[in-house]
Amino acid sequence: MFKEETFSAAKIFIVDDEPTSVRLLTKILSDAGYTNIKSTRDPKKVQKMYTDFQPDLLVLDLHMPHMEGFKIMDQLKEIHKEDDYLPILVISQERNRVIQFSALEAGAKDFLVKPYDSIEVLLRIRNFLEIRMLHQKMSEHNLLLEKKIQERTEQLYQTQKSVIQLLSRAVEYRDSETGTHTMRICQYRSEER
């Protein structure tokens, strides 16, 4: 459905305080053909970088100094468009099911435990990106439909207005007082709009 170039150009944002993890994930993605990858090891920079970069996928470590991944997800909820879909893939060394469920409940769409398999990472990222692109396509289609509805509503209004004006002129020829009253009503309704 989507061209391969669409996937390779997707914006992927990695947030992890471990340099080795960032390098490994970046290498896996680069080797797979992804070209638009940004990363930070400083959780305090995430909000600004996220706003500037507008990623299609966020790969987020949960346990980092100065700010936990949970706090980052909370911050992103505040600045992220409500009707937009941002896949968040949480990565962590934590094997605790409660923490995994908490991450999913906080807004993560999936959870991977380190060390992770590179094929699994690529498949999950590809699936996330496809869902993101489908969501964007659906949103664009909905905007187009809304615009068409507005245009058709305006056309219908103009047609109704023309019919009323024609009818009022026809009535005016038969009875000028009734005709001018009808024209005033039509004009009044136009001003209300």
N, C-alpha and C. Protein backbone atom coordinates (compact mmCIF):
# COMPACT_ATOMS: atom_id res chain seq x y z
N MET A 1 0.82 -1.20 0.00
CA MET A 1 0.00 0.00 0.00
C MET A 1 0.86 1.26 0.00
N PHE A 2 1.91 1.27 0.80
CA PHE A 2 2.82 2.41 0.85
C PHE A 2 4.13 2.02 0.19
N LYS A 3 4.75 2.99 -0.45
CA LYS A 3 6.03 2.73 -1.10
C LYS A 3 7.13 2.60 -0.05
N GLU A 4 8.14 1.85 -0.41
CA GLU A 4 9.26 1.62 0.51
C GLU A 4 9.93 2.92 0.93
N GLU A 5 9.99 3.90 0.00
CA GLU A 5 10.61 5.19 0.32
C GLU A 5 9.85 5.91 1.44
N THR A 6 8.55 5.67 1.49
CA THR A 6 7.74 6.30 2.54
C THR A 6 8.19 5.81 3.91
N PHE A 7 8.44 4.52 4.01
CA PHE A 7 8.90 3.96 5.29
C PHE A 7 10.31 4.43 5.62
N SER A 8 11.19 4.39 4.63
CA SER A 8 12.59 4.74 4.92
C SER A 8 12.74 6.21 5.30
N ALA A 9 11.80 7.06 4.88
CA ALA A 9 11.86 8.49 5.22
C ALA A 9 11.12 8.82 6.51
N ALA A 10 10.50 7.83 7.14
CA ALA A 10 9.75 8.06 8.37
C ALA A 10 10.69 8.61 9.45
N LYS A 11 10.15 9.50 10.26
CA LYS A 11 10.94 10.13 11.32
C LYS A 11 10.88 9.27 12.59
N ILE A 12 12.04 8.79 13.00
CA ILE A 12 12.14 7.94 14.18
C ILE A 12 12.99 8.66 15.22
N PHE A 13 12.45 8.79 16.42
CA PHE A 13 13.11 9.51 17.50
C PHE A 13 13.41 8.53 18.63
N ILE A 14 14.70 8.38 18.94
CA ILE A 14 15.15 7.45 19.98
C ILE A 14 15.54 8.25 21.23
N VAL A 15 14.99 7.84 22.37
CA VAL A 15 15.33 8.48 23.65
C VAL A 15 15.80 7.39 24.60
N ASP A 16 17.09 7.41 24.87
CA ASP A 16 17.69 6.40 25.75
C ASP A 16 18.98 7.00 26.32
N ASP A 17 19.21 6.83 27.61
CA ASP A 17 20.40 7.40 28.23
C ASP A 17 21.65 6.55 28.01
N GLU A 18 21.49 5.33 27.52
CA GLU A 18 22.63 4.45 27.30
C GLU A 18 23.18 4.62 25.88
N PRO A 19 24.40 5.13 25.72
CA PRO A 19 24.97 5.36 24.39
C PRO A 19 25.04 4.09 23.54
N THR A 20 25.35 2.96 24.17
CA THR A 20 25.45 1.71 23.42
C THR A 20 24.10 1.31 22.83
N SER A 21 23.08 1.48 23.60
CA SER A 21 21.72 1.16 23.14
C SER A 21 21.31 2.06 21.97
N VAL A 22 21.61 3.34 22.08
CA VAL A 22 21.27 4.29 21.02
C VAL A 22 22.03 3.93 19.74
N ARG A 23 23.34 3.65 19.88
CA ARG A 23 24.15 3.29 18.70
C ARG A 23 23.64 2.01 18.05
N LEU A 24 23.32 1.01 18.86
CA LEU A 24 22.84 -0.27 18.34
C LEU A 24 21.52 -0.09 17.59
N LEU A 25 20.58 0.60 18.20
CA LEU A 25 19.28 0.81 17.57
C LEU A 25 19.41 1.64 16.29
N THR A 26 20.24 2.66 16.33
CA THR A 26 20.48 3.50 15.16
C THR A 26 21.09 2.66 14.03
N LYS A 27 22.02 1.78 14.38
CA LYS A 27 22.65 0.92 13.36
C LYS A 27 21.63 -0.04 12.76
N ILE A 28 20.81 -0.65 13.60
CA ILE A 28 19.78 -1.57 13.11
C ILE A 28 18.86 -0.85 12.12
N LEU A 29 18.43 0.35 12.50
CA LEU A 29 17.52 1.10 11.63
C LEU A 29 18.21 1.58 10.36
N SER A 30 19.42 2.07 10.49
CA SER A 30 20.17 2.55 9.31
C SER A 30 20.44 1.42 8.33
N ASP A 31 20.85 0.27 8.85
CA ASP A 31 21.11 -0.89 7.99
C ASP A 31 19.84 -1.35 7.27
N ALA A 32 18.69 -1.10 7.88
CA ALA A 32 17.41 -1.49 7.27
C ALA A 32 16.92 -0.43 6.28
N GLY A 33 17.65 0.69 6.15
CA GLY A 33 17.28 1.70 5.15
C GLY A 33 16.60 2.93 5.70
N TYR A 34 16.39 3.01 7.00
CA TYR A 34 15.78 4.21 7.59
C TYR A 34 16.80 5.35 7.58
N THR A 35 16.37 6.51 7.12
CA THR A 35 17.30 7.62 6.91
C THR A 35 17.04 8.83 7.80
N ASN A 36 15.91 8.85 8.48
CA ASN A 36 15.51 10.04 9.23
C ASN A 36 15.42 9.71 10.72
N ILE A 37 16.57 9.52 11.34
CA ILE A 37 16.63 9.08 12.74
C ILE A 37 17.29 10.17 13.58
N LYS A 38 16.65 10.51 14.68
CA LYS A 38 17.24 11.44 15.65
C LYS A 38 17.24 10.73 16.99
N SER A 39 18.17 11.14 17.85
CA SER A 39 18.22 10.54 19.17
C SER A 39 18.71 11.56 20.19
N THR A 40 18.39 11.28 21.42
CA THR A 40 18.94 12.06 22.53
C THR A 40 19.12 11.12 23.71
N ARG A 41 20.15 11.41 24.49
CA ARG A 41 20.38 10.68 25.72
C ARG A 41 19.94 11.50 26.92
N ASP A 42 19.52 12.74 26.67
CA ASP A 42 19.12 13.66 27.73
C ASP A 42 17.60 13.80 27.74
N PRO A 43 16.93 13.20 28.71
CA PRO A 43 15.47 13.25 28.75
C PRO A 43 14.90 14.68 28.86
N LYS A 44 15.72 15.61 29.36
CA LYS A 44 15.23 16.99 29.49
C LYS A 44 15.09 17.68 28.13
N LYS A 45 15.74 17.16 27.10
CA LYS A 45 15.67 17.75 25.76
C LYS A 45 14.53 17.19 24.91
N VAL A 46 13.88 16.16 25.40
CA VAL A 46 12.90 15.43 24.59
C VAL A 46 11.77 16.32 24.11
N GLN A 47 11.17 17.10 25.01
CA GLN A 47 9.99 17.87 24.65
C GLN A 47 10.28 18.83 23.48
N LYS A 48 11.37 19.57 23.54
CA LYS A 48 11.72 20.50 22.48
C LYS A 48 12.07 19.76 21.19
N MET A 49 12.88 18.72 21.31
CA MET A 49 13.26 17.95 20.12
C MET A 49 12.04 17.31 19.47
N TYR A 50 11.14 16.81 20.29
CA TYR A 50 9.92 16.20 19.77
C TYR A 50 9.10 17.23 18.99
N THR A 51 8.94 18.41 19.58
CA THR A 51 8.17 19.47 18.93
C THR A 51 8.82 19.89 17.62
N ASP A 52 10.13 20.02 17.59
CA ASP A 52 10.83 20.42 16.38
C ASP A 52 10.82 19.33 15.31
N PHE A 53 11.01 18.09 15.72
CA PHE A 53 11.18 16.97 14.79
C PHE A 53 9.86 16.38 14.31
N GLN A 54 8.83 16.38 15.16
CA GLN A 54 7.53 15.79 14.85
C GLN A 54 7.68 14.35 14.35
N PRO A 55 8.14 13.45 15.20
CA PRO A 55 8.44 12.08 14.76
C PRO A 55 7.19 11.27 14.43
N ASP A 56 7.42 10.23 13.63
CA ASP A 56 6.37 9.26 13.32
C ASP A 56 6.39 8.11 14.31
N LEU A 57 7.51 7.94 14.99
CA LEU A 57 7.67 6.88 15.98
C LEU A 57 8.64 7.35 17.06
N LEU A 58 8.27 7.08 18.30
CA LEU A 58 9.15 7.39 19.43
C LEU A 58 9.57 6.07 20.07
N VAL A 59 10.88 5.84 20.14
CA VAL A 59 11.43 4.68 20.84
C VAL A 59 11.98 5.22 22.15
N LEU A 60 11.41 4.77 23.26
CA LEU A 60 11.64 5.42 24.55
C LEU A 60 12.07 4.43 25.62
N ASP A 61 13.20 4.73 26.26
CA ASP A 61 13.64 3.95 27.41
C ASP A 61 12.86 4.45 28.63
N LEU A 62 12.54 3.53 29.53
CA LEU A 62 11.77 3.93 30.72
C LEU A 62 12.62 4.50 31.83
N HIS A 63 13.76 3.88 32.09
CA HIS A 63 14.55 4.27 33.25
C HIS A 63 15.77 5.07 32.83
N MET A 64 15.69 6.37 33.12
CA MET A 64 16.78 7.30 32.78
C MET A 64 16.98 8.26 33.95
N PRO A 65 18.18 8.78 34.11
CA PRO A 65 18.40 9.76 35.19
C PRO A 65 17.67 11.07 34.87
N HIS A 66 17.30 11.77 35.87
CA HIS A 66 16.65 13.09 35.81
C HIS A 66 15.17 13.01 35.43
N MET A 67 14.78 12.05 34.59
CA MET A 67 13.38 11.98 34.19
C MET A 67 13.07 10.58 33.67
N GLU A 68 12.04 9.99 34.21
CA GLU A 68 11.60 8.66 33.78
C GLU A 68 10.84 8.76 32.46
N GLY A 69 10.77 7.65 31.75
CA GLY A 69 10.01 7.58 30.51
C GLY A 69 8.53 7.87 30.72
N PHE A 70 8.01 7.51 31.90
CA PHE A 70 6.61 7.79 32.22
C PHE A 70 6.34 9.29 32.21
N LYS A 71 7.26 10.05 32.78
CA LYS A 71 7.12 11.52 32.82
C LYS A 71 7.17 12.09 31.40
N ILE A 72 8.03 11.54 30.56
CA ILE A 72 8.13 12.01 29.17
C ILE A 72 6.80 11.75 28.44
N MET A 73 6.22 10.57 28.66
CA MET A 73 4.93 10.28 28.01
C MET A 73 3.86 11.26 28.47
N ASP A 74 3.88 11.58 29.76
CA ASP A 74 2.91 12.57 30.28
C ASP A 74 3.11 13.93 29.61
N GLN A 75 4.36 14.36 29.47
CA GLN A 75 4.64 15.65 28.82
C GLN A 75 4.17 15.65 27.37
N LEU A 76 4.41 14.56 26.67
CA LEU A 76 4.03 14.49 25.26
C LEU A 76 2.52 14.49 25.08
N LYS A 77 1.80 13.93 26.03
CA LYS A 77 0.32 13.97 25.95
C LYS A 77 -0.17 15.41 25.94
N GLU A 78 0.52 16.28 26.69
CA GLU A 78 0.11 17.68 26.78
C GLU A 78 0.34 18.44 25.48
N ILE A 79 1.37 18.08 24.72
CA ILE A 79 1.68 18.84 23.50
C ILE A 79 1.25 18.12 22.23
N HIS A 80 0.90 16.87 22.34
CA HIS A 80 0.53 16.09 21.17
C HIS A 80 -0.92 16.35 20.81
N LYS A 81 -1.21 16.41 19.51
CA LYS A 81 -2.59 16.60 19.06
C LYS A 81 -3.42 15.41 19.52
N GLU A 82 -4.60 15.70 20.03
CA GLU A 82 -5.44 14.67 20.60
C GLU A 82 -5.87 13.63 19.57
N ASP A 83 -6.14 14.06 18.35
CA ASP A 83 -6.65 13.13 17.34
C ASP A 83 -5.54 12.49 16.50
N ASP A 84 -4.30 12.75 16.86
CA ASP A 84 -3.19 12.18 16.12
C ASP A 84 -2.74 10.88 16.79
N TYR A 85 -2.09 10.04 16.02
CA TYR A 85 -1.63 8.76 16.53
C TYR A 85 -0.11 8.75 16.51
N LEU A 86 0.48 8.69 17.69
CA LEU A 86 1.94 8.60 17.78
C LEU A 86 2.29 7.27 18.44
N PRO A 87 2.88 6.36 17.67
CA PRO A 87 3.29 5.11 18.29
C PRO A 87 4.52 5.32 19.18
N ILE A 88 4.41 4.81 20.39
CA ILE A 88 5.53 4.86 21.32
C ILE A 88 5.93 3.42 21.62
N LEU A 89 7.16 3.09 21.27
CA LEU A 89 7.71 1.77 21.56
C LEU A 89 8.65 1.93 22.75
N VAL A 90 8.27 1.35 23.87
CA VAL A 90 9.08 1.44 25.08
C VAL A 90 10.08 0.29 25.07
N ILE A 91 11.33 0.65 25.38
CA ILE A 91 12.39 -0.35 25.53
C ILE A 91 12.93 -0.25 26.94
N SER A 92 13.18 -1.38 27.54
CA SER A 92 13.67 -1.37 28.92
C SER A 92 14.32 -2.70 29.24
N GLN A 93 15.19 -2.68 30.23
CA GLN A 93 15.77 -3.93 30.73
C GLN A 93 14.84 -4.56 31.76
N GLU A 94 13.82 -3.83 32.11
CA GLU A 94 12.87 -4.27 33.14
C GLU A 94 11.99 -5.40 32.61
N ARG A 95 12.00 -6.51 33.31
CA ARG A 95 11.17 -7.65 32.91
C ARG A 95 9.90 -7.76 33.76
N ASN A 96 9.67 -6.78 34.57
CA ASN A 96 8.53 -6.75 35.48
C ASN A 96 7.24 -6.49 34.70
N ARG A 97 6.28 -7.40 34.79
CA ARG A 97 5.02 -7.28 34.05
C ARG A 97 4.22 -6.06 34.49
N VAL A 98 4.28 -5.73 35.77
CA VAL A 98 3.53 -4.56 36.27
C VAL A 98 4.05 -3.29 35.59
N ILE A 99 5.36 -3.15 35.46
CA ILE A 99 5.93 -1.98 34.80
C ILE A 99 5.58 -1.98 33.32
N GLN A 100 5.60 -3.15 32.69
CA GLN A 100 5.21 -3.24 31.29
C GLN A 100 3.76 -2.80 31.10
N PHE A 101 2.88 -3.29 31.93
CA PHE A 101 1.47 -2.91 31.84
C PHE A 101 1.29 -1.43 32.13
N SER A 102 2.05 -0.91 33.09
CA SER A 102 1.96 0.52 33.41
C SER A 102 2.39 1.37 32.23
N ALA A 103 3.43 0.94 31.53
CA ALA A 103 3.90 1.68 30.35
C ALA A 103 2.84 1.67 29.26
N LEU A 104 2.22 0.53 29.05
CA LEU A 104 1.16 0.44 28.04
C LEU A 104 -0.04 1.31 28.43
N GLU A 105 -0.35 1.30 29.70
CA GLU A 105 -1.46 2.13 30.19
C GLU A 105 -1.14 3.62 30.09
N ALA A 106 0.14 3.98 30.20
CA ALA A 106 0.56 5.39 30.15
C ALA A 106 0.62 5.95 28.73
N GLY A 107 0.47 5.08 27.73
CA GLY A 107 0.47 5.59 26.36
C GLY A 107 1.37 4.86 25.40
N ALA A 108 2.21 3.97 25.91
CA ALA A 108 3.05 3.19 25.01
C ALA A 108 2.16 2.23 24.21
N LYS A 109 2.54 1.98 22.98
CA LYS A 109 1.77 1.06 22.15
C LYS A 109 2.35 -0.35 22.19
N ASP A 110 3.63 -0.44 22.61
CA ASP A 110 4.25 -1.75 22.72
C ASP A 110 5.47 -1.64 23.64
N PHE A 111 6.00 -2.79 24.03
CA PHE A 111 7.08 -2.85 25.01
C PHE A 111 8.06 -3.93 24.58
N LEU A 112 9.34 -3.58 24.50
CA LEU A 112 10.40 -4.54 24.20
C LEU A 112 11.40 -4.57 25.34
N VAL A 113 11.83 -5.77 25.67
CA VAL A 113 12.81 -5.94 26.75
C VAL A 113 14.20 -6.09 26.13
N LYS A 114 15.16 -5.33 26.68
CA LYS A 114 16.55 -5.43 26.24
C LYS A 114 17.17 -6.69 26.82
N PRO A 115 18.06 -7.34 26.17
CA PRO A 115 18.47 -7.11 24.79
C PRO A 115 17.39 -7.63 23.85
N TYR A 116 17.16 -6.91 22.79
CA TYR A 116 16.09 -7.27 21.87
C TYR A 116 16.67 -7.81 20.57
N ASP A 117 15.84 -8.57 19.89
CA ASP A 117 16.21 -9.15 18.62
C ASP A 117 16.01 -8.10 17.52
N SER A 118 17.01 -7.91 16.66
CA SER A 118 16.93 -6.85 15.65
C SER A 118 15.80 -7.09 14.65
N ILE A 119 15.52 -8.33 14.31
CA ILE A 119 14.42 -8.61 13.38
C ILE A 119 13.09 -8.24 14.01
N GLU A 120 12.92 -8.58 15.27
CA GLU A 120 11.68 -8.23 15.97
C GLU A 120 11.50 -6.71 16.05
N VAL A 121 12.59 -6.01 16.35
CA VAL A 121 12.52 -4.54 16.42
C VAL A 121 12.08 -3.97 15.07
N LEU A 122 12.69 -4.44 13.99
CA LEU A 122 12.36 -3.92 12.66
C LEU A 122 10.91 -4.24 12.27
N LEU A 123 10.45 -5.43 12.59
CA LEU A 123 9.07 -5.79 12.26
C LEU A 123 8.07 -4.94 13.04
N ARG A 124 8.34 -4.75 14.31
CA ARG A 124 7.42 -3.93 15.12
C ARG A 124 7.42 -2.48 14.66
N ILE A 125 8.61 -1.95 14.36
CA ILE A 125 8.69 -0.57 13.89
C ILE A 125 7.96 -0.41 12.57
N ARG A 126 8.14 -1.36 11.68
CA ARG A 126 7.45 -1.32 10.39
C ARG A 126 5.93 -1.33 10.59
N ASN A 127 5.44 -2.18 11.47
CA ASN A 127 4.00 -2.23 11.76
C ASN A 127 3.50 -0.91 12.34
N PHE A 128 4.26 -0.35 13.28
CA PHE A 128 3.87 0.93 13.87
C PHE A 128 3.80 2.02 12.82
N LEU A 129 4.80 2.06 11.96
CA LEU A 129 4.83 3.10 10.93
C LEU A 129 3.67 2.94 9.95
N GLU A 130 3.33 1.72 9.64
CA GLU A 130 2.19 1.50 8.74
C GLU A 130 0.89 1.98 9.39
N ILE A 131 0.71 1.70 10.65
CA ILE A 131 -0.48 2.18 11.36
C ILE A 131 -0.49 3.70 11.38
N ARG A 132 0.65 4.30 11.66
CA ARG A 132 0.76 5.77 11.68
C ARG A 132 0.38 6.36 10.32
N MET A 133 0.90 5.78 9.25
CA MET A 133 0.62 6.29 7.91
C MET A 133 -0.85 6.09 7.54
N LEU A 134 -1.42 4.97 7.92
CA LEU A 134 -2.85 4.75 7.66
C LEU A 134 -3.70 5.77 8.43
N HIS A 135 -3.31 6.04 9.66
CA HIS A 135 -4.04 7.04 10.45
C HIS A 135 -3.94 8.41 9.80
N GLN A 136 -2.75 8.79 9.34
CA GLN A 136 -2.59 10.08 8.67
C GLN A 136 -3.42 10.15 7.40
N LYS A 137 -3.42 9.07 6.64
CA LYS A 137 -4.19 9.02 5.39
C LYS A 137 -5.69 9.17 5.69
N MET A 138 -6.15 8.50 6.73
CA MET A 138 -7.56 8.59 7.12
C MET A 138 -7.89 10.02 7.58
N SER A 139 -6.99 10.64 8.33
CA SER A 139 -7.22 12.02 8.78
C SER A 139 -7.31 12.98 7.60
N GLU A 140 -6.42 12.82 6.62
CA GLU A 140 -6.45 13.66 5.43
C GLU A 140 -7.75 13.45 4.66
N HIS A 141 -8.18 12.20 4.57
CA HIS A 141 -9.44 11.89 3.88
C HIS A 141 -10.63 12.53 4.61
N ASN A 142 -10.62 12.46 5.94
CA ASN A 142 -11.69 13.09 6.71
C ASN A 142 -11.74 14.60 6.51
N LEU A 143 -10.57 15.25 6.45
CA LEU A 143 -10.53 16.69 6.20
C LEU A 143 -11.10 17.03 4.82
N LEU A 144 -10.75 16.20 3.84
CA LEU A 144 -11.27 16.40 2.49
C LEU A 144 -12.79 16.25 2.47
N LEU A 145 -13.30 15.25 3.17
CA LEU A 145 -14.75 15.06 3.23
C LEU A 145 -15.44 16.24 3.93
N GLU A 146 -14.84 16.72 5.01
CA GLU A 146 -15.42 17.88 5.70
C GLU A 146 -15.47 19.09 4.78
N LYS A 147 -14.42 19.30 4.02
CA LYS A 147 -14.39 20.43 3.09
C LYS A 147 -15.47 20.28 2.02
N LYS A 148 -15.64 19.07 1.49
CA LYS A 148 -16.68 18.83 0.49
C LYS A 148 -18.06 19.07 1.07
N ILE A 149 -18.28 18.65 2.30
CA ILE A 149 -19.57 18.86 2.96
C ILE A 149 -19.85 20.35 3.10
N GLN A 150 -18.83 21.11 3.52
CA GLN A 150 -19.00 22.56 3.65
C GLN A 150 -19.32 23.20 2.30
N GLU A 151 -18.61 22.77 1.26
CA GLU A 151 -18.87 23.32 -0.08
C GLU A 151 -20.28 22.98 -0.54
N ARG A 152 -20.69 21.74 -0.35
CA ARG A 152 -22.03 21.33 -0.78
C ARG A 152 -23.11 22.04 0.03
N THR A 153 -22.86 22.24 1.31
CA THR A 153 -23.82 22.96 2.15
C THR A 153 -23.97 24.39 1.66
N GLU A 154 -22.86 25.02 1.31
CA GLU A 154 -22.90 26.39 0.79
C GLU A 154 -23.62 26.43 -0.55
N GLN A 155 -23.36 25.44 -1.42
CA GLN A 155 -24.06 25.37 -2.71
C GLN A 155 -25.56 25.22 -2.50
N LEU A 156 -25.94 24.36 -1.57
CA LEU A 156 -27.36 24.16 -1.27
C LEU A 156 -27.99 25.44 -0.75
N TYR A 157 -27.29 26.12 0.12
CA TYR A 157 -27.80 27.39 0.66
C TYR A 157 -28.00 28.41 -0.47
N GLN A 158 -26.99 28.52 -1.35
CA GLN A 158 -27.10 29.48 -2.46
C GLN A 158 -28.25 29.10 -3.39
N THR A 159 -28.45 27.81 -3.63
CA THR A 159 -29.56 27.36 -4.47
C THR A 159 -30.90 27.70 -3.82
N GLN A 160 -31.02 27.46 -2.52
CA GLN A 160 -32.26 27.79 -1.81
C GLN A 160 -32.52 29.30 -1.87
N LYS A 161 -31.48 30.06 -1.68
CA LYS A 161 -31.60 31.51 -1.72
C LYS A 161 -32.08 31.97 -3.11
N SER A 162 -31.52 31.39 -4.15
CA SER A 162 -31.92 31.74 -5.53
C SER A 162 -33.38 31.37 -5.78
N VAL A 163 -33.79 30.19 -5.31
CA VAL A 163 -35.18 29.76 -5.50
C VAL A 163 -36.13 30.70 -4.77
N ILE A 164 -35.79 31.08 -3.56
CA ILE A 164 -36.64 32.01 -2.80
C ILE A 164 -36.74 33.35 -3.51
N GLN A 165 -35.62 33.83 -4.02
CA GLN A 165 -35.64 35.11 -4.74
C GLN A 165 -36.50 35.01 -6.00
N LEU A 166 -36.38 33.92 -6.72
CA LEU A 166 -37.20 33.74 -7.93
C LEU A 166 -38.68 33.65 -7.58
N LEU A 167 -38.98 32.90 -6.52
CA LEU A 167 -40.37 32.80 -6.10
C LEU A 167 -40.92 34.14 -5.63
N SER A 168 -40.10 34.90 -4.92
CA SER A 168 -40.58 36.20 -4.44
C SER A 168 -40.83 37.15 -5.61
N ARG A 169 -39.99 37.07 -6.64
CA ARG A 169 -40.22 37.90 -7.83
C ARG A 169 -41.51 37.49 -8.54
N ALA A 170 -41.74 36.17 -8.59
CA ALA A 170 -42.97 35.69 -9.22
C ALA A 170 -44.19 36.16 -8.45
N VAL A 171 -44.09 36.10 -7.11
CA VAL A 171 -45.20 36.57 -6.28
C VAL A 171 -45.37 38.07 -6.42
N GLU A 172 -44.26 38.79 -6.54
CA GLU A 172 -44.29 40.25 -6.65
C GLU A 172 -45.07 40.69 -7.89
N TYR A 173 -44.94 39.94 -8.96
CA TYR A 173 -45.69 40.28 -10.17
C TYR A 173 -47.19 40.15 -9.94
N ARG A 174 -47.58 39.23 -9.08
CA ARG A 174 -49.00 39.05 -8.82
C ARG A 174 -49.48 40.00 -7.73
N ASP A 175 -48.63 40.20 -6.68
CA ASP A 175 -49.04 41.04 -5.56
C ASP A 175 -47.77 41.71 -5.01
N SER A 176 -47.58 42.98 -5.29
CA SER A 176 -46.32 43.66 -4.96
C SER A 176 -46.06 43.71 -3.46
N GLU A 177 -47.10 43.84 -2.63
CA GLU A 177 -46.90 43.90 -1.18
C GLU A 177 -46.38 42.57 -0.63
N THR A 178 -46.94 41.46 -1.05
CA THR A 178 -46.50 40.13 -0.62
C THR A 178 -45.10 39.86 -1.16
N GLY A 179 -44.82 40.28 -2.40
CA GLY A 179 -43.52 40.05 -3.02
C GLY A 179 -42.41 40.78 -2.29
N THR A 180 -42.62 42.05 -1.92
CA THR A 180 -41.58 42.79 -1.21
C THR A 180 -41.37 42.22 0.20
N HIS A 181 -42.46 41.73 0.83
CA HIS A 181 -42.33 41.09 2.14
C HIS A 181 -41.45 39.84 2.02
N THR A 182 -41.67 39.03 1.02
CA THR A 182 -40.88 37.81 0.80
C THR A 182 -39.42 38.15 0.56
N MET A 183 -39.15 39.22 -0.20
CA MET A 183 -37.76 39.64 -0.46
C MET A 183 -37.08 40.10 0.84
N ARG A 184 -37.83 40.82 1.70
CA ARG A 184 -37.26 41.27 2.97
C ARG A 184 -36.91 40.08 3.87
N ILE A 185 -37.78 39.07 3.90
CA ILE A 185 -37.51 37.85 4.69
C ILE A 185 -36.25 37.16 4.17
N CYS A 186 -36.14 37.05 2.86
CA CYS A 186 -34.96 36.41 2.25
C CYS A 186 -33.69 37.18 2.61
N GLN A 187 -33.76 38.50 2.54
CA GLN A 187 -32.59 39.33 2.84
C GLN A 187 -32.25 39.21 4.34
N TYR A 188 -33.26 39.20 5.19
CA TYR A 188 -33.06 39.06 6.62
C TYR A 188 -32.34 37.74 6.95
N ARG A 189 -32.78 36.64 6.32
CA ARG A 189 -32.16 35.34 6.53
C ARG A 189 -30.71 35.34 6.07
N SER A 190 -30.39 36.05 4.98
CA SER A 190 -29.02 36.13 4.49
C SER A 190 -28.13 36.86 5.48
N GLU A 191 -28.68 37.90 6.10
CA GLU A 191 -27.90 38.68 7.08
C GLU A 191 -27.65 37.89 8.36
N GLU A 192 -28.61 37.02 8.73
CA GLU A 192 -28.44 36.19 9.91
C GLU A 192 -27.27 35.22 9.76
N ARG A 193 -27.06 34.77 8.59
CA ARG A 193 -26.03 33.79 8.30
C ARG A 193 -24.71 34.45 8.40
